[in-house]
Amino acid sequence: MQNPKEYITQNKERFINELIELLKIPSVSADPAFSQDVLNTADAVQKALLQAGCDTVEIFETEGYPIVYGEKIINADLPTVLVYGHYDVQPADPIELWDSPPYEPVIKKTALHPEGAIFARGACDDKGQMYMHVKALEYMTKTDQLPCNVKFMIEGEEEVGSNNLAVFVENNKEKLANDIILISDTGMIANDVPSITTGLRGLSYVEVEVTGPNRDLHSGLYGGAVANPINILTKMIASLHDENNHITIPGFYDKVEDLSAEERAEMAKAPFVLDDYQNALDIDSVYGEEGYSTNERNSIRPTLDVNGIWGGYIGEGAKTVIASKAYAKISMRLVPNQDWKDITELFKTHFESIAPKGVSVKVTPHHGGQGYVTPIDTIGYKAASKAYETTFGKKPIPQRSGGSIPIVALFEKELESKTILMGFGLDSDAIHSPNEHFGVWNYLKGIETIPYFYQFFTDMNK
């Protein structure tokens, strides 16, 4: 394969400007107020895939937002790569914490991105990383170097649980048939330390509601005489961890895999400076489950976190009430072998059981997914490793991620093919947070590296 650098250099400004235009569309799948913007983004992705060289691109309606499917089939006897990505984004809230408007992309230099980074919601998760694949296809088709078949499946509901993707996959197995699935919705250790994600945690996401009296009460007249749902909820949540930050739900750890000392030693080889980690987050100490390192806590161990908690009066000034209800949203990141439906049921049973008299508890499951581990001895991993080595000049480190992409396990179950996670973002890119960004260097490096994966994967399958 010819070196893609010349083509990328010639088209650099256009590649950046196209991504900026895509980032201007607020495709927030969680908020119905942005529904037309989500649909407009699907149209934009369809147009981009056609311009990049797909022979056909279809928009498939679902009960939610549509799935964009495109393909370029050059020879049925050649391998087929299925690219998955998503065009929806997280809500931008809290808006006031952004240094620039979330849907008015700007390029600014940072310490980790001296060549500049694009600041916008969705820049890294996942529009920027998804669009790398579109531009990589353009390079391969325009220079007549596409070595195999390629299919694209880009959805608009990843940030709300991919509820309709499973139905689409189950109903379109023949259309989606492939030899390997390629996803860029993860990151790497650093720009000078490439890595490939080999494991993902599963997810169970629930909402809890604690109800006390049938209405808000005067805290002077009733305080101390009736259960306060907010007080009760905070006590219940606090009890979910013990003094060693071990989760106290009975049965929670029953299927958790204990990695060997050898495997943990391999993981420990990844560069990590605790002071830099703490300084980047402006904290004076790390926190977590006793007996595990920071990198182990956020990758190979399950967790339970409160993502939001509310109830009572939170407006200006004072209003002395005992609220009738209190709420919280809770996520549990799970490791392989922990079934998210089983864990959800364990949580529900336990949380209801610890509620004291005087309140009632309701647990509402939202969504979830299974964890995933991809072997490093497969052709797909070896091709990806060689691709990174070609463009970065060094072998990538296999690394388990703390994040979740629930549909990866679904793909293996329904399509019977492995997934390779080639991420080019950094942990510091603030995905899901104010001031999300994606390095220009990283964006272009992805476009440069992806074509080599196609070439090496095709060669290794001969």
Protein backbone atom coordinates (compact mmCIF):
# COMPACT_ATOMS: atom_id res chain seq x y z
CA MET A 1 0.00 0.00 0.00
CA GLN A 2 1.21 3.48 -0.81
CA ASN A 3 1.85 5.71 2.17
CA PRO A 4 -1.38 7.65 2.84
CA LYS A 5 0.49 10.66 4.26
CA GLU A 6 0.70 12.54 0.96
CA TYR A 7 -3.04 12.23 0.30
CA ILE A 8 -3.83 13.26 3.87
CA THR A 9 -1.54 16.29 3.66
CA GLN A 10 -3.13 17.38 0.39
CA ASN A 11 -6.64 17.07 1.84
CA LYS A 12 -5.96 17.99 5.47
CA GLU A 13 -7.96 21.22 5.59
CA ARG A 14 -10.93 19.62 3.82
CA PHE A 15 -10.90 16.64 6.17
CA ILE A 16 -10.92 18.96 9.18
CA ASN A 17 -13.60 21.25 7.77
CA GLU A 18 -15.90 18.33 6.93
CA LEU A 19 -15.66 17.06 10.49
CA ILE A 20 -16.32 20.55 11.85
CA GLU A 21 -19.52 20.80 9.79
CA LEU A 22 -20.67 17.44 11.17
CA LEU A 23 -19.93 18.57 14.72
CA LYS A 24 -22.09 21.64 14.31
CA ILE A 25 -25.22 19.48 14.24
CA PRO A 26 -26.45 18.83 17.84
CA SER A 27 -27.40 15.17 17.39
CA VAL A 28 -28.37 14.54 21.02
CA SER A 29 -30.32 11.28 21.04
CA ALA A 30 -31.32 11.58 24.71
CA ASP A 31 -33.30 14.81 24.25
CA PRO A 32 -36.38 14.84 21.97
CA ALA A 33 -35.82 18.56 21.39
CA PHE A 34 -32.92 17.57 19.10
CA SER A 35 -34.74 14.84 17.17
CA GLN A 36 -34.61 16.65 13.82
CA ASP A 37 -30.90 17.33 14.30
CA VAL A 38 -30.29 13.62 14.87
CA LEU A 39 -32.15 12.82 11.65
CA ASN A 40 -30.20 15.52 9.80
CA THR A 41 -26.96 13.95 10.99
CA ALA A 42 -28.00 10.58 9.58
CA ASP A 43 -28.53 12.28 6.23
CA ALA A 44 -25.10 13.90 6.48
CA VAL A 45 -23.44 10.54 7.21
CA GLN A 46 -25.22 8.96 4.24
CA LYS A 47 -23.95 11.71 1.95
CA ALA A 48 -20.40 11.42 3.31
CA LEU A 49 -20.29 7.66 2.76
CA LEU A 50 -21.48 8.01 -0.83
CA GLN A 51 -18.88 10.68 -1.53
CA ALA A 52 -16.18 8.53 0.06
CA GLY A 53 -16.84 5.69 -2.36
CA CYS A 54 -19.60 3.41 -1.07
CA ASP A 55 -21.61 1.94 -3.94
CA THR A 56 -24.84 1.96 -1.95
CA VAL A 57 -25.86 3.72 1.26
CA GLU A 58 -29.27 3.18 2.86
CA ILE A 59 -30.99 4.74 5.84
CA PHE A 60 -32.92 2.11 7.77
CA GLU A 61 -35.72 3.35 9.99
CA THR A 62 -36.11 1.86 13.46
CA GLU A 63 -38.53 2.50 16.28
CA GLY A 64 -36.04 5.14 17.37
CA TYR A 65 -33.40 6.84 15.27
CA PRO A 66 -32.24 5.41 11.94
CA ILE A 67 -29.22 3.29 11.14
CA VAL A 68 -27.04 4.28 8.20
CA TYR A 69 -25.78 1.27 6.26
CA GLY A 70 -23.29 1.51 3.39
CA GLU A 71 -21.09 -0.92 1.51
CA LYS A 72 -18.35 -1.22 -1.07
CA ILE A 73 -18.10 -4.79 -2.35
CA ILE A 74 -15.24 -5.33 -4.78
CA ASN A 75 -14.98 -9.12 -4.79
CA ALA A 76 -17.09 -11.65 -2.92
CA ASP A 77 -14.05 -13.89 -2.51
CA LEU A 78 -12.17 -11.24 -0.50
CA PRO A 79 -12.53 -10.62 3.24
CA THR A 80 -15.17 -8.18 4.46
CA VAL A 81 -14.62 -5.58 7.19
CA LEU A 82 -17.71 -4.22 8.98
CA VAL A 83 -17.17 -0.75 10.47
CA TYR A 84 -19.43 0.25 13.35
CA GLY A 85 -19.79 3.76 14.75
CA HIS A 86 -22.41 6.15 16.04
CA TYR A 87 -23.48 9.63 15.00
CA ASP A 88 -25.41 10.59 18.13
CA VAL A 89 -23.78 12.50 20.97
CA GLN A 90 -24.17 13.04 24.69
CA PRO A 91 -26.06 16.10 25.98
CA ALA A 92 -23.76 19.10 26.38
CA ASP A 93 -24.95 19.96 29.90
CA PRO A 94 -23.75 21.75 31.93
CA ILE A 95 -23.40 24.31 29.12
CA GLU A 96 -21.98 26.99 31.43
CA LEU A 97 -18.83 24.91 32.02
CA TRP A 98 -17.84 24.95 28.34
CA ASP A 99 -15.11 27.41 27.38
CA SER A 100 -16.64 27.67 23.91
CA PRO A 101 -20.14 26.73 22.67
CA PRO A 102 -20.40 22.92 22.34
CA TYR A 103 -21.81 23.05 18.79
CA GLU A 104 -19.55 25.80 17.49
CA PRO A 105 -16.33 23.83 16.98
CA VAL A 106 -13.04 25.62 17.52
CA ILE A 107 -9.44 24.45 17.22
CA LYS A 108 -7.21 25.27 20.18
CA LYS A 109 -3.72 24.15 21.13
CA THR A 110 -3.26 22.25 24.39
CA ALA A 111 -0.32 20.71 26.22
CA LEU A 112 -1.22 17.24 24.91
CA HIS A 113 -2.31 18.54 21.50
CA PRO A 114 0.32 21.08 20.38
CA GLU A 115 -0.97 20.82 16.81
CA GLY A 116 -4.42 21.75 18.03
CA ALA A 117 -7.57 19.94 19.08
CA ILE A 118 -11.15 20.35 17.89
CA PHE A 119 -13.35 21.35 20.83
CA ALA A 120 -17.01 20.35 20.36
CA ARG A 121 -19.52 17.83 21.68
CA GLY A 122 -18.96 14.58 19.80
CA ALA A 123 -15.47 15.53 18.61
CA CYS A 124 -13.97 12.33 20.00
CA ASP A 125 -17.10 10.36 20.97
CA ASP A 126 -17.79 9.36 18.30
CA LYS A 127 -18.13 11.65 15.30
CA GLY A 128 -14.42 12.33 14.97
CA GLN A 129 -13.41 8.71 15.31
CA MET A 130 -16.26 7.46 13.13
CA TYR A 131 -15.36 9.98 10.44
CA MET A 132 -11.75 8.73 10.35
CA HIS A 133 -13.12 5.56 8.77
CA VAL A 134 -15.09 7.51 6.19
CA LYS A 135 -11.97 9.41 5.13
CA ALA A 136 -9.85 6.25 5.21
CA LEU A 137 -12.33 4.71 2.76
CA GLU A 138 -12.08 7.81 0.59
CA TYR A 139 -8.31 7.46 0.46
CA MET A 140 -8.49 3.79 -0.49
CA THR A 141 -11.17 4.23 -3.16
CA LYS A 142 -9.80 7.43 -4.72
CA THR A 143 -6.32 5.92 -5.00
CA ASP A 144 -7.64 2.50 -6.06
CA GLN A 145 -6.11 0.74 -3.05
CA LEU A 146 -9.10 -0.81 -1.30
CA PRO A 147 -7.87 -4.40 -0.76
CA CYS A 148 -11.11 -5.97 0.46
CA ASN A 149 -14.83 -5.39 0.94
CA VAL A 150 -16.11 -2.90 3.48
CA LYS A 151 -19.49 -2.34 5.13
CA PHE A 152 -20.57 0.50 7.41
CA MET A 153 -23.21 0.41 10.14
CA ILE A 154 -23.52 3.81 11.81
CA GLU A 155 -26.29 4.17 14.39
CA GLY A 156 -27.96 7.08 16.18
CA GLU A 157 -28.78 5.60 19.58
CA GLU A 158 -25.49 4.48 21.12
CA GLU A 159 -25.64 7.15 23.81
CA VAL A 160 -29.08 5.93 24.93
CA GLY A 161 -28.38 2.21 24.97
CA SER A 162 -28.63 1.10 21.31
CA ASN A 163 -32.09 -0.26 22.03
CA ASN A 164 -33.03 -0.77 18.39
CA LEU A 165 -29.67 -1.92 17.06
CA ALA A 166 -30.16 -5.49 18.29
CA VAL A 167 -33.35 -5.83 16.27
CA PHE A 168 -31.62 -4.49 13.17
CA VAL A 169 -28.68 -6.86 13.57
CA GLU A 170 -30.91 -9.89 14.17
CA ASN A 171 -32.99 -9.07 11.08
CA ASN A 172 -30.04 -8.33 8.78
CA LYS A 173 -27.46 -11.02 9.52
CA GLU A 174 -26.84 -11.80 5.85
CA LYS A 175 -26.46 -8.12 4.93
CA LEU A 176 -24.05 -7.58 7.82
CA ALA A 177 -22.02 -10.78 7.27
CA ASN A 178 -18.33 -10.06 7.76
CA ASP A 179 -14.94 -11.46 8.66
CA ILE A 180 -14.05 -8.82 11.26
CA ILE A 181 -15.73 -5.84 12.92
CA LEU A 182 -13.77 -2.62 13.30
CA ILE A 183 -14.71 0.05 15.86
CA SER A 184 -13.05 3.30 16.88
CA ASP A 185 -14.95 4.35 19.99
CA THR A 186 -12.11 3.85 22.46
CA GLY A 187 -8.78 5.52 23.16
CA MET A 188 -5.08 4.86 23.45
CA ILE A 189 -2.59 5.43 26.26
CA ALA A 190 -0.78 8.41 24.70
CA ASN A 191 0.22 9.79 21.32
CA ASP A 192 3.67 8.24 21.76
CA VAL A 193 2.32 5.06 23.41
CA PRO A 194 -0.19 3.44 21.04
CA SER A 195 -2.49 0.80 22.46
CA ILE A 196 -5.33 -1.45 21.35
CA THR A 197 -8.31 -2.01 23.60
CA THR A 198 -8.73 -5.73 24.23
CA GLY A 199 -11.42 -5.66 26.91
CA LEU A 200 -14.54 -3.68 27.73
CA ARG A 201 -16.61 -3.62 30.87
CA GLY A 202 -20.31 -4.36 30.81
CA LEU A 203 -22.95 -2.01 32.17
CA SER A 204 -26.08 -2.03 34.28
CA TYR A 205 -27.85 1.33 34.57
CA VAL A 206 -30.77 1.86 36.93
CA GLU A 207 -32.84 4.63 38.45
CA VAL A 208 -34.06 4.44 42.04
CA GLU A 209 -36.95 6.26 43.66
CA VAL A 210 -37.58 6.49 47.41
CA THR A 211 -41.03 7.67 48.51
CA GLY A 212 -42.00 8.75 52.00
CA PRO A 213 -45.05 10.90 52.87
CA ASN A 214 -47.73 11.56 50.27
CA ARG A 215 -46.66 15.18 49.86
CA ASP A 216 -43.80 17.55 50.73
CA LEU A 217 -43.97 18.42 54.43
CA HIS A 218 -42.97 21.38 56.58
CA SER A 219 -39.60 20.38 58.06
CA GLY A 220 -40.40 22.12 61.33
CA LEU A 221 -43.80 20.56 61.90
CA TYR A 222 -42.84 17.07 60.70
CA GLY A 223 -39.03 16.92 60.98
CA GLY A 224 -37.90 14.05 63.17
CA ALA A 225 -41.32 12.42 63.13
CA VAL A 226 -41.44 10.95 59.61
CA ALA A 227 -38.82 9.36 57.39
CA ASN A 228 -37.05 11.84 55.11
CA PRO A 229 -36.63 10.15 51.68
CA ILE A 230 -33.48 12.15 50.89
CA ASN A 231 -31.82 11.18 54.16
CA ILE A 232 -32.87 7.57 53.69
CA LEU A 233 -31.67 7.43 50.08
CA THR A 234 -28.21 8.78 50.96
CA LYS A 235 -27.85 6.21 53.76
CA MET A 236 -28.92 3.39 51.44
CA ILE A 237 -26.45 4.46 48.78
CA ALA A 238 -23.64 4.82 51.31
CA SER A 239 -24.24 1.26 52.46
CA LEU A 240 -23.54 -0.11 48.98
CA HIS A 241 -19.78 0.08 49.68
CA ASP A 242 -17.89 -1.13 52.74
CA GLU A 243 -14.84 0.45 54.39
CA ASN A 244 -12.59 -1.08 51.68
CA ASN A 245 -14.79 0.26 48.86
CA HIS A 246 -15.96 -3.26 48.17
CA ILE A 247 -19.53 -3.48 46.82
CA THR A 248 -21.83 -5.03 49.41
CA ILE A 249 -24.59 -6.45 47.17
CA PRO A 250 -24.83 -10.20 47.92
CA GLY A 251 -23.65 -12.27 44.96
CA PHE A 252 -22.21 -9.27 43.10
CA TYR A 253 -18.69 -10.76 42.83
CA ASP A 254 -19.67 -14.39 42.32
CA LYS A 255 -18.64 -14.48 38.63
CA VAL A 256 -15.89 -11.87 38.69
CA GLU A 257 -12.72 -13.22 37.09
CA ASP A 258 -9.57 -12.92 39.19
CA LEU A 259 -6.70 -12.24 36.83
CA SER A 260 -3.46 -14.06 37.46
CA ALA A 261 -0.42 -12.33 38.87
CA GLU A 262 1.21 -12.71 35.46
CA GLU A 263 -1.65 -10.95 33.67
CA ARG A 264 -1.69 -8.15 36.23
CA ALA A 265 2.05 -7.75 35.79
CA GLU A 266 1.62 -7.38 32.03
CA MET A 267 -1.03 -4.70 32.58
CA ALA A 268 1.32 -2.87 34.95
CA LYS A 269 3.80 -2.37 32.10
CA ALA A 270 1.57 0.34 30.62
CA PRO A 271 3.09 3.77 31.36
CA PHE A 272 1.34 5.44 34.28
CA VAL A 273 2.45 8.34 36.47
CA LEU A 274 0.22 8.75 39.50
CA ASP A 275 1.15 12.40 40.07
CA ASP A 276 0.30 13.28 36.47
CA TYR A 277 -3.01 11.46 36.77
CA GLN A 278 -3.91 13.34 39.95
CA ASN A 279 -2.75 16.69 38.59
CA ALA A 280 -4.81 16.28 35.43
CA LEU A 281 -7.92 15.81 37.57
CA ASP A 282 -6.92 18.36 40.23
CA ILE A 283 -7.20 15.82 43.05
CA ASP A 284 -4.76 15.11 45.86
CA SER A 285 -5.35 11.37 46.06
CA VAL A 286 -6.88 8.46 44.18
CA TYR A 287 -9.72 6.42 45.63
CA GLY A 288 -11.11 2.97 45.09
CA GLU A 289 -11.25 -0.70 45.94
CA GLU A 290 -8.55 -1.82 48.36
CA GLY A 291 -5.89 -4.11 46.95
CA TYR A 292 -5.91 -2.87 43.35
CA SER A 293 -3.99 -0.26 41.38
CA THR A 294 -5.67 2.70 39.75
CA ASN A 295 -5.44 1.13 36.30
CA GLU A 296 -6.87 -2.13 37.62
CA ARG A 297 -9.72 -0.39 39.40
CA ASN A 298 -10.89 1.26 36.21
CA SER A 299 -10.55 -1.72 33.91
CA ILE A 300 -10.59 -5.24 35.40
CA ARG A 301 -12.73 -4.56 38.49
CA PRO A 302 -16.48 -3.91 38.65
CA THR A 303 -17.74 -0.62 40.08
CA LEU A 304 -20.90 1.06 41.33
CA ASP A 305 -21.33 4.82 40.99
CA VAL A 306 -24.09 7.36 41.56
CA ASN A 307 -24.45 9.37 38.35
CA GLY A 308 -27.07 11.79 39.65
CA ILE A 309 -29.11 12.40 42.80
CA TRP A 310 -31.96 14.80 43.42
CA GLY A 311 -35.04 15.60 45.46
CA GLY A 312 -36.61 18.40 47.47
CA TYR A 313 -35.97 22.09 46.95
CA ILE A 314 -32.82 23.15 45.06
CA GLY A 315 -33.84 26.65 43.91
CA GLU A 316 -32.60 30.03 45.14
CA GLY A 317 -32.95 30.82 48.81
CA ALA A 318 -34.52 28.50 51.36
CA LYS A 319 -37.61 26.34 51.44
CA THR A 320 -37.85 24.20 54.55
CA VAL A 321 -39.45 21.00 53.35
CA ILE A 322 -39.17 17.27 53.79
CA ALA A 323 -39.51 16.03 50.23
CA SER A 324 -42.02 13.35 49.39
CA LYS A 325 -39.58 11.68 47.01
CA ALA A 326 -35.86 11.34 46.35
CA TYR A 327 -34.18 9.91 43.27
CA ALA A 328 -30.82 8.70 42.03
CA LYS A 329 -29.35 7.27 38.85
CA ILE A 330 -26.79 4.53 39.41
CA SER A 331 -24.45 2.77 36.98
CA MET A 332 -22.53 -0.42 37.57
CA ARG A 333 -19.58 -1.19 35.32
CA LEU A 334 -19.18 -4.94 35.02
CA VAL A 335 -16.37 -7.27 34.02
CA PRO A 336 -16.65 -10.25 31.66
CA ASN A 337 -18.76 -13.13 33.02
CA GLN A 338 -20.98 -10.75 35.00
CA ASP A 339 -24.34 -10.86 33.21
CA TRP A 340 -25.85 -7.39 33.31
CA LYS A 341 -29.40 -8.66 33.68
CA ASP A 342 -28.41 -10.84 36.63
CA ILE A 343 -26.59 -7.94 38.28
CA THR A 344 -29.55 -5.65 37.74
CA GLU A 345 -31.80 -8.13 39.49
CA LEU A 346 -29.31 -8.56 42.35
CA PHE A 347 -29.19 -4.79 42.79
CA LYS A 348 -32.98 -4.48 42.73
CA THR A 349 -33.48 -7.24 45.31
CA HIS A 350 -30.81 -5.87 47.63
CA PHE A 351 -31.80 -2.21 47.37
CA GLU A 352 -35.43 -2.99 48.12
CA SER A 353 -34.40 -5.19 51.06
CA ILE A 354 -32.40 -2.46 52.82
CA ALA A 355 -35.18 0.12 52.73
CA PRO A 356 -36.36 0.93 56.30
CA LYS A 357 -39.98 1.13 57.32
CA GLY A 358 -41.61 4.45 56.51
CA VAL A 359 -40.54 4.56 52.86
CA SER A 360 -41.14 2.57 49.70
CA VAL A 361 -38.55 1.93 47.01
CA LYS A 362 -38.86 1.58 43.25
CA VAL A 363 -35.97 0.41 41.06
CA THR A 364 -36.29 1.04 37.31
CA PRO A 365 -33.70 -0.62 35.01
CA HIS A 366 -32.73 1.57 32.06
CA HIS A 367 -30.24 -0.28 29.89
CA GLY A 368 -27.15 -2.41 30.03
CA GLY A 369 -24.81 -4.71 28.18
CA GLN A 370 -22.23 -7.45 28.56
CA GLY A 371 -18.48 -7.07 28.93
CA TYR A 372 -16.13 -8.26 26.22
CA VAL A 373 -12.57 -9.54 25.82
CA THR A 374 -10.88 -9.99 22.46
CA PRO A 375 -7.93 -12.42 22.18
CA ILE A 376 -4.58 -11.00 21.06
CA ASP A 377 -3.67 -14.09 19.04
CA THR A 378 -6.27 -13.54 16.29
CA ILE A 379 -5.56 -12.39 12.75
CA GLY A 380 -7.63 -9.26 13.40
CA TYR A 381 -5.56 -8.21 16.40
CA LYS A 382 -2.28 -9.00 14.65
CA ALA A 383 -3.33 -6.92 11.63
CA ALA A 384 -4.27 -3.99 13.85
CA SER A 385 -1.01 -4.28 15.80
CA LYS A 386 1.01 -4.26 12.60
CA ALA A 387 -0.95 -1.24 11.32
CA TYR A 388 -0.13 0.77 14.45
CA GLU A 389 3.49 -0.34 14.31
CA THR A 390 3.68 0.89 10.71
CA THR A 391 2.42 4.40 11.45
CA PHE A 392 3.61 4.90 15.05
CA GLY A 393 6.94 3.14 14.75
CA LYS A 394 6.31 0.91 17.77
CA LYS A 395 4.11 -2.00 18.78
CA PRO A 396 0.87 -1.07 20.52
CA ILE A 397 0.17 -2.26 24.06
CA PRO A 398 -2.92 -4.41 24.57
CA GLN A 399 -5.07 -2.67 27.17
CA ARG A 400 -8.40 -3.35 28.84
CA SER A 401 -10.74 -0.38 29.00
CA GLY A 402 -13.03 0.71 31.79
CA GLY A 403 -15.66 1.86 29.32
CA SER A 404 -18.58 -0.06 27.89
CA ILE A 405 -19.73 -0.68 24.34
CA PRO A 406 -22.59 -3.09 25.03
CA ILE A 407 -23.21 -3.95 21.40
CA VAL A 408 -19.78 -5.60 20.97
CA ALA A 409 -20.90 -8.74 22.79
CA LEU A 410 -24.12 -8.67 20.77
CA PHE A 411 -22.15 -8.58 17.52
CA GLU A 412 -20.18 -11.67 18.45
CA LYS A 413 -23.32 -13.53 19.47
CA GLU A 414 -25.40 -12.64 16.40
CA LEU A 415 -22.78 -12.19 13.65
CA GLU A 416 -20.23 -14.69 14.99
CA SER A 417 -17.26 -12.43 14.33
CA LYS A 418 -14.64 -10.76 16.49
CA THR A 419 -14.32 -7.04 17.07
CA ILE A 420 -11.11 -5.01 16.91
CA LEU A 421 -11.14 -1.74 18.88
CA MET A 422 -8.80 0.77 17.21
CA GLY A 423 -9.22 3.94 19.22
CA PHE A 424 -7.21 7.12 18.69
CA GLY A 425 -8.56 9.39 21.43
CA LEU A 426 -6.93 10.15 24.77
CA ASP A 427 -8.32 9.86 28.28
CA SER A 428 -7.91 13.62 28.60
CA ASP A 429 -10.26 14.35 25.69
CA ALA A 430 -13.16 14.92 28.12
CA ILE A 431 -15.74 12.72 26.44
CA HIS A 432 -19.16 13.01 28.13
CA SER A 433 -17.86 16.18 29.82
CA PRO A 434 -17.70 19.91 29.10
CA ASN A 435 -14.94 20.89 26.66
CA GLU A 436 -14.80 17.55 24.86
CA HIS A 437 -12.11 17.63 22.21
CA PHE A 438 -10.17 15.48 19.73
CA GLY A 439 -6.62 16.16 18.61
CA VAL A 440 -6.14 17.08 14.97
CA TRP A 441 -3.03 14.90 15.00
CA ASN A 442 -5.04 11.97 16.36
CA TYR A 443 -7.78 12.43 13.78
CA LEU A 444 -5.32 12.42 10.90
CA LYS A 445 -3.28 9.59 12.44
CA GLY A 446 -6.39 7.45 12.48
CA ILE A 447 -7.03 8.13 8.81
CA GLU A 448 -3.41 7.16 8.12
CA THR A 449 -3.45 3.95 10.18
CA ILE A 450 -6.82 2.41 9.27
CA PRO A 451 -5.96 1.63 5.61
CA TYR A 452 -2.98 -0.44 6.76
CA PHE A 453 -5.32 -2.57 8.87
CA TYR A 454 -7.33 -3.38 5.72
CA GLN A 455 -4.17 -4.31 3.84
CA PHE A 456 -2.63 -6.47 6.57
CA PHE A 457 -5.93 -8.19 7.40
CA THR A 458 -6.44 -9.05 3.73
CA ASP A 459 -2.86 -10.30 3.33
CA MET A 460 -3.08 -12.46 6.46
CA ASN A 461 -6.27 -14.10 5.20
CA LYS A 462 -4.73 -15.26 1.92
